[in-house]
Amino acid sequence: MDKRQPPAIGKNIANYRKQKGMSMDELAKKSGVSKSMLSQIEQEKTNPTVVTLWKIANALNIPVEYLLKTQSVSQIEVLRRDDAPIFYSEDRSCLIRVNSPVHMIDNLELYDMTFKPRGKLHSKPHFPNAEEFLTVITGKFKVTAGESSVILNEGDTGRYKADREHIIENLTDQDAKAYLVVWFPQ
């Protein structure tokens, strides 16, 4: 799809309406937008005003921006390896590749991490109730969260509270890899 094309608002409305199991009549009653206007919007024959869009989004119980999203040709979002942002721990003993899409950063963060021999990553507390899931790809790690510690071997996954100071440490004399998921429950 050409990036200059406007979003398919009508298709988005129809998709959300169907996902919610609503008929056009039900959406018309709940939103205060006439059925004929909804039909024209869903068929992309007319564009809704901002107020009309707001009424429809409220009736569907979704944010307005959901109706403005442009659907890509592929329903699979891809972040290519060379496009992923990279940063390092303070002491540069851990390379961290960010794999999470920017639009998800409030809920979920994904990291591919490579630790130098005996490398450590010290983290300050995240938001309340945040959790991390660390999966060891290669090597052996010690994870400390608050007063608790555990050793994780290749293939192991550890889940721990990340709303306290925590440390991930490579216990080997070789480079080691891990995959980290940070989850921020709502």
Protein backbone atom coordinates (compact mmCIF):
# COMPACT_ATOMS: atom_id res chain seq x y z
CA MET A 1 0.00 0.00 0.00
CA ASP A 2 1.20 3.50 -0.84
CA LYS A 3 2.19 5.25 2.40
CA ARG A 4 0.47 8.41 1.17
CA GLN A 5 -2.94 6.72 1.11
CA PRO A 6 -5.30 7.67 3.93
CA PRO A 7 -6.33 4.99 6.43
CA ALA A 8 -9.27 2.77 5.53
CA ILE A 9 -11.47 4.16 8.31
CA GLY A 10 -14.60 2.44 7.02
CA LYS A 11 -12.93 -0.98 6.91
CA ASN A 12 -11.49 -0.41 10.37
CA ILE A 13 -14.94 0.46 11.74
CA ALA A 14 -16.49 -2.60 10.09
CA ASN A 15 -13.73 -4.86 11.44
CA TYR A 16 -14.07 -3.60 15.02
CA ARG A 17 -17.88 -3.70 14.83
CA LYS A 18 -17.75 -7.35 13.71
CA GLN A 19 -15.13 -8.24 16.34
CA LYS A 20 -17.49 -6.84 18.98
CA GLY A 21 -20.39 -8.85 17.51
CA MET A 22 -22.42 -5.70 16.82
CA SER A 23 -24.85 -5.21 13.98
CA MET A 24 -24.91 -1.92 12.12
CA ASP A 25 -28.25 -1.16 13.82
CA GLU A 26 -26.71 -1.69 17.26
CA LEU A 27 -23.75 0.54 16.46
CA ALA A 28 -26.08 3.22 15.09
CA LYS A 29 -28.17 3.22 18.29
CA LYS A 30 -25.17 3.15 20.59
CA SER A 31 -23.22 5.85 18.72
CA GLY A 32 -26.05 8.16 17.66
CA VAL A 33 -24.77 7.99 14.07
CA SER A 34 -27.46 6.99 11.56
CA LYS A 35 -27.34 3.55 10.01
CA SER A 36 -27.22 5.07 6.50
CA MET A 37 -24.22 7.24 7.48
CA LEU A 38 -22.47 4.20 9.03
CA SER A 39 -23.11 2.23 5.86
CA GLN A 40 -21.62 4.98 3.69
CA ILE A 41 -18.58 5.26 5.99
CA GLU A 42 -17.99 1.48 6.08
CA GLN A 43 -18.23 1.33 2.27
CA GLU A 44 -15.64 4.16 2.06
CA LYS A 45 -18.17 6.35 0.19
CA THR A 46 -17.77 9.20 2.67
CA ASN A 47 -15.35 10.28 5.36
CA PRO A 48 -16.65 10.89 8.87
CA THR A 49 -16.12 14.12 10.76
CA VAL A 50 -13.92 14.04 13.85
CA VAL A 51 -17.01 14.16 16.07
CA THR A 52 -18.64 11.28 14.17
CA LEU A 53 -15.44 9.25 14.44
CA TRP A 54 -15.31 9.98 18.18
CA LYS A 55 -18.93 8.83 18.63
CA ILE A 56 -18.26 5.59 16.76
CA ALA A 57 -15.05 4.88 18.68
CA ASN A 58 -16.83 5.47 22.00
CA ALA A 59 -19.66 3.15 20.99
CA LEU A 60 -17.10 0.48 20.07
CA ASN A 61 -15.24 1.20 23.34
CA ILE A 62 -11.91 1.72 21.57
CA PRO A 63 -9.54 4.70 21.20
CA VAL A 64 -10.17 6.88 18.13
CA GLU A 65 -6.63 6.23 16.89
CA TYR A 66 -7.49 2.55 16.35
CA LEU A 67 -9.86 3.63 13.59
CA LEU A 68 -7.15 5.75 11.98
CA LYS A 69 -4.53 3.03 11.67
CA THR A 70 -3.41 2.13 8.18
CA GLN A 71 -3.43 -1.56 7.49
CA SER A 72 -0.29 -2.80 5.81
CA VAL A 73 -0.40 -5.31 2.98
CA SER A 74 1.17 -7.85 5.32
CA GLN A 75 -0.43 -8.46 8.70
CA ILE A 76 3.00 -9.38 10.07
CA GLU A 77 5.03 -6.56 11.56
CA VAL A 78 8.76 -7.05 11.00
CA LEU A 79 11.72 -5.39 12.66
CA ARG A 80 14.83 -6.28 10.66
CA ARG A 81 17.99 -7.08 12.63
CA ASP A 82 19.89 -4.13 11.18
CA ASP A 83 17.02 -1.76 12.03
CA ALA A 84 16.78 -2.72 15.72
CA PRO A 85 18.16 -0.09 18.09
CA ILE A 86 21.24 -1.18 20.05
CA PHE A 87 22.58 0.12 23.34
CA TYR A 88 25.11 -1.04 25.92
CA SER A 89 25.19 -1.42 29.68
CA GLU A 90 27.08 1.34 31.51
CA ASP A 91 30.29 -0.72 31.65
CA ARG A 92 29.75 -1.89 28.03
CA SER A 93 29.82 -5.55 29.12
CA CYS A 94 26.33 -6.17 27.73
CA LEU A 95 25.05 -5.37 24.23
CA ILE A 96 21.27 -4.97 24.17
CA ARG A 97 19.27 -5.12 20.93
CA VAL A 98 15.72 -3.76 21.24
CA ASN A 99 13.21 -6.01 19.45
CA SER A 100 9.96 -4.43 20.62
CA PRO A 101 7.90 -2.15 18.39
CA VAL A 102 7.80 1.45 19.60
CA HIS A 103 3.99 1.41 19.86
CA MET A 104 4.15 -1.38 22.48
CA ILE A 105 6.72 0.20 24.80
CA ASP A 106 4.12 1.00 27.49
CA ASN A 107 3.23 -2.68 27.92
CA LEU A 108 5.98 -4.90 26.62
CA GLU A 109 9.70 -4.66 25.87
CA LEU A 110 11.73 -7.33 24.07
CA TYR A 111 15.52 -7.52 24.22
CA ASP A 112 18.15 -9.77 22.65
CA MET A 113 21.19 -9.53 24.95
CA THR A 114 24.82 -10.56 24.50
CA PHE A 115 27.03 -10.49 27.60
CA LYS A 116 30.81 -10.41 27.55
CA PRO A 117 32.55 -12.95 29.83
CA ARG A 118 31.51 -12.20 33.43
CA GLY A 119 29.47 -9.23 32.16
CA LYS A 120 26.70 -7.74 34.33
CA LEU A 121 23.64 -5.62 33.75
CA HIS A 122 22.49 -3.59 36.78
CA SER A 123 18.96 -2.19 36.50
CA LYS A 124 17.11 0.29 38.67
CA PRO A 125 13.51 -0.55 39.62
CA HIS A 126 10.97 -0.28 36.80
CA PHE A 127 7.34 0.75 37.20
CA PRO A 128 5.27 -0.90 39.99
CA ASN A 129 4.37 -4.54 39.27
CA ALA A 130 6.72 -4.78 36.28
CA GLU A 131 8.06 -8.28 35.66
CA GLU A 132 10.93 -9.64 33.60
CA PHE A 133 11.23 -13.03 31.91
CA LEU A 134 14.83 -13.98 31.13
CA THR A 135 15.49 -16.98 28.87
CA VAL A 136 19.07 -18.21 28.63
CA ILE A 137 20.07 -18.97 25.04
CA THR A 138 23.73 -19.80 25.72
CA GLY A 139 25.77 -19.74 28.91
CA LYS A 140 24.85 -19.57 32.58
CA PHE A 141 23.43 -16.56 34.41
CA LYS A 142 22.79 -15.40 37.94
CA VAL A 143 19.72 -13.24 38.36
CA THR A 144 19.28 -11.18 41.51
CA ALA A 145 16.04 -9.29 42.14
CA GLY A 146 15.93 -7.53 45.49
CA GLU A 147 17.11 -10.06 48.06
CA SER A 148 16.48 -13.16 45.89
CA SER A 149 18.95 -14.83 43.52
CA VAL A 150 18.80 -17.81 41.19
CA ILE A 151 21.12 -19.54 38.71
CA LEU A 152 19.73 -20.05 35.20
CA ASN A 153 21.29 -22.52 32.76
CA GLU A 154 20.94 -22.78 29.00
CA GLY A 155 17.26 -23.17 28.08
CA ASP A 156 15.99 -22.01 31.50
CA THR A 157 13.58 -19.09 31.92
CA GLY A 158 13.34 -17.07 35.09
CA ARG A 159 10.48 -14.72 35.98
CA TYR A 160 11.02 -12.06 38.61
CA LYS A 161 9.75 -8.74 39.87
CA ALA A 162 11.48 -5.87 38.10
CA ASP A 163 10.01 -3.13 40.28
CA ARG A 164 13.09 -3.45 42.51
CA GLU A 165 16.79 -3.22 41.77
CA HIS A 166 17.91 -6.27 39.79
CA ILE A 167 21.09 -7.68 38.26
CA ILE A 168 21.70 -10.13 35.41
CA GLU A 169 25.20 -11.62 35.46
CA ASN A 170 27.03 -13.90 33.00
CA LEU A 171 28.76 -16.54 35.15
CA THR A 172 30.91 -17.92 32.34
CA ASP A 173 34.28 -16.99 30.84
CA GLN A 174 32.69 -16.82 27.39
CA ASP A 175 30.15 -14.59 25.65
CA ALA A 176 26.63 -15.59 26.70
CA LYS A 177 23.22 -14.79 25.18
CA ALA A 178 19.81 -14.30 26.73
CA TYR A 179 16.39 -13.07 25.66
CA LEU A 180 14.58 -10.68 27.97
CA VAL A 181 10.89 -9.80 28.03
CA VAL A 182 9.83 -6.90 30.26
CA TRP A 183 6.11 -6.79 30.97
CA PHE A 184 4.26 -3.84 32.45
CA PRO A 185 0.83 -5.08 33.58
CA GLN A 186 -1.94 -2.52 33.37
